[in-house]
Amino acid sequence: MSEQAARTFAALGDSTRLALVRRLSRGARLNVTELTTGTGVTRQAVSKHLAVLQGAGLVSRASEGRETVYRLCAEPLDVAGDFLERLARGWDDAVERLRAHVEQEDG
């Protein structure tokens, strides 16, 4: 597994971080207050989760006036998605070989 995919999967292994990624995936740049609204999680906790996502390269932050806004970075998700696709193809190939082997023994 690539290092980037491993960091992405580790960062996404939390339901709060998944929810943050989902909200940012809509294309908006949001501040911590906006990301906290409706989550039932404190701003401090959201900030810590955003730091984990930023460490994995999944979000970036920028200053807009006096606010800091976050946006989703898609590249790490693309790398993780490519890894999952390769993994799925491997499983499909293994299942096909098993099917062919079973059919050969039955025939």
N, C-alpha and C. Protein backbone atom coordinates (compact mmCIF):
# COMPACT_ATOMS: atom_id res chain seq x y z
N MET A 1 0.86 -1.17 0.00
CA MET A 1 0.00 0.00 0.00
C MET A 1 0.90 1.23 0.00
N SER A 2 0.52 2.23 -0.73
CA SER A 2 1.32 3.45 -0.76
C SER A 2 1.20 4.18 0.58
N GLU A 3 2.23 4.94 0.90
CA GLU A 3 2.22 5.71 2.14
C GLU A 3 1.05 6.69 2.16
N GLN A 4 0.78 7.33 1.01
CA GLN A 4 -0.32 8.29 0.96
C GLN A 4 -1.66 7.61 1.23
N ALA A 5 -1.88 6.45 0.63
CA ALA A 5 -3.14 5.73 0.86
C ALA A 5 -3.26 5.34 2.33
N ALA A 6 -2.16 4.88 2.94
CA ALA A 6 -2.19 4.49 4.35
C ALA A 6 -2.54 5.69 5.23
N ARG A 7 -1.94 6.86 4.97
CA ARG A 7 -2.25 8.06 5.75
C ARG A 7 -3.72 8.47 5.56
N THR A 8 -4.20 8.34 4.34
CA THR A 8 -5.59 8.70 4.07
C THR A 8 -6.54 7.79 4.82
N PHE A 9 -6.32 6.47 4.74
CA PHE A 9 -7.20 5.54 5.43
C PHE A 9 -7.14 5.74 6.94
N ALA A 10 -5.96 6.00 7.48
CA ALA A 10 -5.84 6.24 8.92
C ALA A 10 -6.61 7.49 9.33
N ALA A 11 -6.49 8.55 8.54
CA ALA A 11 -7.19 9.80 8.86
C ALA A 11 -8.70 9.64 8.74
N LEU A 12 -9.15 8.82 7.81
CA LEU A 12 -10.59 8.65 7.60
C LEU A 12 -11.20 7.61 8.53
N GLY A 13 -10.39 7.04 9.40
CA GLY A 13 -10.86 6.00 10.30
C GLY A 13 -11.60 6.52 11.51
N ASP A 14 -12.25 7.64 11.38
CA ASP A 14 -12.99 8.25 12.48
C ASP A 14 -14.26 8.87 11.89
N SER A 15 -15.39 8.63 12.53
CA SER A 15 -16.66 9.10 11.96
C SER A 15 -16.75 10.62 11.92
N THR A 16 -16.17 11.31 12.88
CA THR A 16 -16.19 12.78 12.84
C THR A 16 -15.38 13.30 11.67
N ARG A 17 -14.20 12.71 11.44
CA ARG A 17 -13.39 13.16 10.32
C ARG A 17 -14.06 12.83 8.99
N LEU A 18 -14.72 11.69 8.91
CA LEU A 18 -15.47 11.36 7.69
C LEU A 18 -16.56 12.40 7.44
N ALA A 19 -17.25 12.81 8.50
CA ALA A 19 -18.31 13.81 8.36
C ALA A 19 -17.73 15.14 7.90
N LEU A 20 -16.56 15.52 8.42
CA LEU A 20 -15.93 16.76 7.99
C LEU A 20 -15.55 16.69 6.52
N VAL A 21 -14.99 15.58 6.10
CA VAL A 21 -14.63 15.41 4.69
C VAL A 21 -15.88 15.47 3.81
N ARG A 22 -16.95 14.85 4.27
CA ARG A 22 -18.20 14.87 3.50
C ARG A 22 -18.69 16.31 3.34
N ARG A 23 -18.65 17.10 4.41
CA ARG A 23 -19.10 18.49 4.33
C ARG A 23 -18.21 19.30 3.40
N LEU A 24 -16.92 19.09 3.48
CA LEU A 24 -15.99 19.83 2.62
C LEU A 24 -16.05 19.35 1.17
N SER A 25 -16.52 18.14 0.95
CA SER A 25 -16.56 17.60 -0.41
C SER A 25 -17.60 18.31 -1.28
N ARG A 26 -18.44 19.08 -0.68
CA ARG A 26 -19.44 19.85 -1.44
C ARG A 26 -18.82 21.05 -2.14
N GLY A 27 -17.52 21.25 -1.92
CA GLY A 27 -16.80 22.30 -2.63
C GLY A 27 -16.66 23.61 -1.88
N ALA A 28 -17.34 23.74 -0.76
CA ALA A 28 -17.27 24.99 -0.01
C ALA A 28 -15.99 25.06 0.80
N ARG A 29 -15.54 26.28 1.03
CA ARG A 29 -14.46 26.51 1.97
C ARG A 29 -15.13 26.98 3.26
N LEU A 30 -14.91 26.23 4.33
CA LEU A 30 -15.63 26.49 5.57
C LEU A 30 -14.67 26.76 6.72
N ASN A 31 -15.13 27.59 7.66
CA ASN A 31 -14.32 27.82 8.85
C ASN A 31 -14.72 26.81 9.94
N VAL A 32 -14.00 26.82 11.05
CA VAL A 32 -14.24 25.85 12.10
C VAL A 32 -15.66 25.96 12.66
N THR A 33 -16.14 27.18 12.82
CA THR A 33 -17.50 27.37 13.34
C THR A 33 -18.52 26.72 12.41
N GLU A 34 -18.38 26.95 11.11
CA GLU A 34 -19.31 26.35 10.14
C GLU A 34 -19.19 24.83 10.14
N LEU A 35 -17.98 24.32 10.29
CA LEU A 35 -17.79 22.87 10.30
C LEU A 35 -18.29 22.24 11.59
N THR A 36 -18.35 23.02 12.66
CA THR A 36 -18.81 22.50 13.95
C THR A 36 -20.33 22.45 14.03
N THR A 37 -20.99 23.36 13.37
CA THR A 37 -22.45 23.48 13.45
C THR A 37 -23.13 22.15 13.13
N GLY A 38 -23.98 21.72 14.07
CA GLY A 38 -24.77 20.51 13.85
C GLY A 38 -24.04 19.20 14.10
N THR A 39 -22.80 19.25 14.55
CA THR A 39 -22.04 18.01 14.74
C THR A 39 -22.15 17.44 16.15
N GLY A 40 -22.47 18.29 17.12
CA GLY A 40 -22.47 17.83 18.50
C GLY A 40 -21.07 17.67 19.06
N VAL A 41 -20.09 18.24 18.36
CA VAL A 41 -18.69 18.17 18.75
C VAL A 41 -18.21 19.59 19.00
N THR A 42 -17.31 19.76 19.95
CA THR A 42 -16.81 21.09 20.27
C THR A 42 -15.92 21.63 19.14
N ARG A 43 -15.78 22.95 19.12
CA ARG A 43 -14.88 23.58 18.14
C ARG A 43 -13.46 23.08 18.33
N GLN A 44 -13.05 22.92 19.58
CA GLN A 44 -11.71 22.43 19.87
C GLN A 44 -11.51 21.03 19.28
N ALA A 45 -12.50 20.16 19.44
CA ALA A 45 -12.40 18.80 18.90
C ALA A 45 -12.35 18.84 17.37
N VAL A 46 -13.19 19.68 16.76
CA VAL A 46 -13.18 19.81 15.30
C VAL A 46 -11.82 20.30 14.83
N SER A 47 -11.25 21.25 15.54
CA SER A 47 -9.92 21.75 15.16
C SER A 47 -8.88 20.64 15.22
N LYS A 48 -8.95 19.80 16.22
CA LYS A 48 -8.01 18.67 16.32
C LYS A 48 -8.21 17.68 15.18
N HIS A 49 -9.46 17.42 14.83
CA HIS A 49 -9.74 16.52 13.70
C HIS A 49 -9.24 17.12 12.39
N LEU A 50 -9.42 18.43 12.23
CA LEU A 50 -8.92 19.09 11.03
C LEU A 50 -7.40 19.02 10.95
N ALA A 51 -6.72 19.09 12.08
CA ALA A 51 -5.26 18.97 12.09
C ALA A 51 -4.83 17.58 11.61
N VAL A 52 -5.57 16.55 12.00
CA VAL A 52 -5.27 15.19 11.53
C VAL A 52 -5.48 15.11 10.02
N LEU A 53 -6.60 15.65 9.55
CA LEU A 53 -6.89 15.63 8.11
C LEU A 53 -5.84 16.43 7.34
N GLN A 54 -5.42 17.54 7.90
CA GLN A 54 -4.39 18.35 7.24
C GLN A 54 -3.07 17.59 7.22
N GLY A 55 -2.74 16.90 8.29
CA GLY A 55 -1.51 16.12 8.34
C GLY A 55 -1.48 15.02 7.29
N ALA A 56 -2.65 14.50 6.94
CA ALA A 56 -2.75 13.47 5.91
C ALA A 56 -2.85 14.07 4.52
N GLY A 57 -2.88 15.40 4.43
CA GLY A 57 -2.97 16.06 3.14
C GLY A 57 -4.39 16.13 2.59
N LEU A 58 -5.37 15.82 3.41
CA LEU A 58 -6.76 15.79 2.95
C LEU A 58 -7.44 17.15 2.96
N VAL A 59 -6.96 18.06 3.78
CA VAL A 59 -7.50 19.41 3.80
C VAL A 59 -6.35 20.40 3.81
N SER A 60 -6.65 21.58 3.31
CA SER A 60 -5.69 22.68 3.41
C SER A 60 -6.44 23.83 4.07
N ARG A 61 -5.68 24.74 4.62
CA ARG A 61 -6.30 25.90 5.25
C ARG A 61 -5.68 27.17 4.70
N ALA A 62 -6.49 28.20 4.72
CA ALA A 62 -6.04 29.51 4.23
C ALA A 62 -6.71 30.59 5.05
N SER A 63 -6.06 31.71 5.14
CA SER A 63 -6.63 32.85 5.85
C SER A 63 -7.44 33.68 4.88
N GLU A 64 -8.63 34.03 5.31
CA GLU A 64 -9.50 34.95 4.57
C GLU A 64 -9.91 36.02 5.56
N GLY A 65 -9.23 37.15 5.49
CA GLY A 65 -9.47 38.19 6.49
C GLY A 65 -9.02 37.68 7.84
N ARG A 66 -9.92 37.72 8.81
CA ARG A 66 -9.59 37.25 10.15
C ARG A 66 -9.97 35.79 10.35
N GLU A 67 -10.50 35.16 9.35
CA GLU A 67 -10.94 33.76 9.47
C GLU A 67 -9.94 32.82 8.80
N THR A 68 -9.93 31.62 9.31
CA THR A 68 -9.20 30.53 8.66
C THR A 68 -10.24 29.60 8.08
N VAL A 69 -10.12 29.32 6.79
CA VAL A 69 -11.07 28.43 6.12
C VAL A 69 -10.34 27.18 5.66
N TYR A 70 -11.10 26.12 5.58
CA TYR A 70 -10.56 24.81 5.18
C TYR A 70 -11.23 24.37 3.89
N ARG A 71 -10.47 23.68 3.07
CA ARG A 71 -11.03 23.10 1.85
C ARG A 71 -10.47 21.70 1.69
N LEU A 72 -11.20 20.89 0.99
CA LEU A 72 -10.81 19.50 0.75
C LEU A 72 -9.77 19.44 -0.36
N CYS A 73 -8.78 18.59 -0.18
CA CYS A 73 -7.78 18.30 -1.21
C CYS A 73 -8.07 16.90 -1.73
N ALA A 74 -8.44 16.79 -2.98
CA ALA A 74 -8.93 15.54 -3.54
C ALA A 74 -7.83 14.53 -3.87
N GLU A 75 -6.62 14.96 -4.10
CA GLU A 75 -5.58 14.04 -4.56
C GLU A 75 -5.37 12.84 -3.64
N PRO A 76 -5.27 13.01 -2.32
CA PRO A 76 -5.12 11.83 -1.46
C PRO A 76 -6.30 10.87 -1.55
N LEU A 77 -7.49 11.41 -1.76
CA LEU A 77 -8.66 10.55 -1.93
C LEU A 77 -8.57 9.77 -3.24
N ASP A 78 -8.05 10.41 -4.27
CA ASP A 78 -7.86 9.73 -5.55
C ASP A 78 -6.86 8.59 -5.41
N VAL A 79 -5.77 8.82 -4.68
CA VAL A 79 -4.76 7.78 -4.47
C VAL A 79 -5.37 6.61 -3.71
N ALA A 80 -6.14 6.91 -2.65
CA ALA A 80 -6.78 5.84 -1.88
C ALA A 80 -7.81 5.10 -2.74
N GLY A 81 -8.55 5.84 -3.55
CA GLY A 81 -9.53 5.21 -4.44
C GLY A 81 -8.87 4.29 -5.45
N ASP A 82 -7.73 4.71 -6.01
CA ASP A 82 -6.99 3.86 -6.94
C ASP A 82 -6.53 2.58 -6.25
N PHE A 83 -6.07 2.71 -5.00
CA PHE A 83 -5.64 1.52 -4.24
C PHE A 83 -6.82 0.57 -4.07
N LEU A 84 -7.99 1.09 -3.70
CA LEU A 84 -9.16 0.24 -3.51
C LEU A 84 -9.59 -0.42 -4.81
N GLU A 85 -9.47 0.30 -5.92
CA GLU A 85 -9.82 -0.30 -7.21
C GLU A 85 -8.90 -1.46 -7.56
N ARG A 86 -7.58 -1.27 -7.32
CA ARG A 86 -6.63 -2.37 -7.57
C ARG A 86 -6.93 -3.55 -6.67
N LEU A 87 -7.25 -3.28 -5.43
CA LEU A 87 -7.59 -4.34 -4.48
C LEU A 87 -8.84 -5.09 -4.94
N ALA A 88 -9.84 -4.36 -5.37
CA ALA A 88 -11.08 -4.98 -5.83
C ALA A 88 -10.84 -5.84 -7.07
N ARG A 89 -10.00 -5.35 -8.00
CA ARG A 89 -9.68 -6.14 -9.19
C ARG A 89 -8.98 -7.43 -8.80
N GLY A 90 -8.10 -7.35 -7.82
CA GLY A 90 -7.41 -8.55 -7.35
C GLY A 90 -8.39 -9.57 -6.79
N TRP A 91 -9.35 -9.10 -6.02
CA TRP A 91 -10.36 -10.00 -5.49
C TRP A 91 -11.22 -10.59 -6.60
N ASP A 92 -11.60 -9.76 -7.57
CA ASP A 92 -12.39 -10.26 -8.69
C ASP A 92 -11.63 -11.34 -9.45
N ASP A 93 -10.34 -11.12 -9.66
CA ASP A 93 -9.51 -12.12 -10.35
C ASP A 93 -9.42 -13.41 -9.54
N ALA A 94 -9.27 -13.29 -8.23
CA ALA A 94 -9.17 -14.47 -7.37
C ALA A 94 -10.48 -15.26 -7.39
N VAL A 95 -11.60 -14.56 -7.33
CA VAL A 95 -12.90 -15.24 -7.37
C VAL A 95 -13.09 -15.94 -8.72
N GLU A 96 -12.67 -15.30 -9.80
CA GLU A 96 -12.79 -15.90 -11.13
C GLU A 96 -11.93 -17.15 -11.24
N ARG A 97 -10.71 -17.11 -10.71
CA ARG A 97 -9.84 -18.30 -10.72
C ARG A 97 -10.46 -19.43 -9.91
N LEU A 98 -11.05 -19.10 -8.76
CA LEU A 98 -11.70 -20.11 -7.93
C LEU A 98 -12.89 -20.72 -8.67
N ARG A 99 -13.68 -19.86 -9.32
CA ARG A 99 -14.85 -20.35 -10.08
C ARG A 99 -14.39 -21.29 -11.18
N ALA A 100 -13.36 -20.89 -11.91
CA ALA A 100 -12.86 -21.73 -13.01
C ALA A 100 -12.32 -23.06 -12.47
N HIS A 101 -11.65 -23.01 -11.35
CA HIS A 101 -11.11 -24.24 -10.76
C HIS A 101 -12.24 -25.19 -10.33
N VAL A 102 -13.27 -24.65 -9.68
CA VAL A 102 -14.41 -25.46 -9.23
C VAL A 102 -15.14 -26.05 -10.43
N GLU A 103 -15.35 -25.27 -11.47
CA GLU A 103 -16.03 -25.75 -12.67
C GLU A 103 -15.20 -26.82 -13.36
N GLN A 104 -13.89 -26.68 -13.34
CA GLN A 104 -13.01 -27.67 -13.97
C GLN A 104 -13.09 -29.00 -13.22
N GLU A 105 -13.14 -28.95 -11.89
CA GLU A 105 -13.24 -30.18 -11.09
C GLU A 105 -14.61 -30.83 -11.26
N ASP A 106 -15.66 -30.03 -11.46
CA ASP A 106 -17.00 -30.58 -11.65
C ASP A 106 -17.18 -31.17 -13.04
N GLY A 107 -16.39 -30.69 -13.98
CA GLY A 107 -16.56 -31.08 -15.39
C GLY A 107 -15.79 -32.27 -15.73
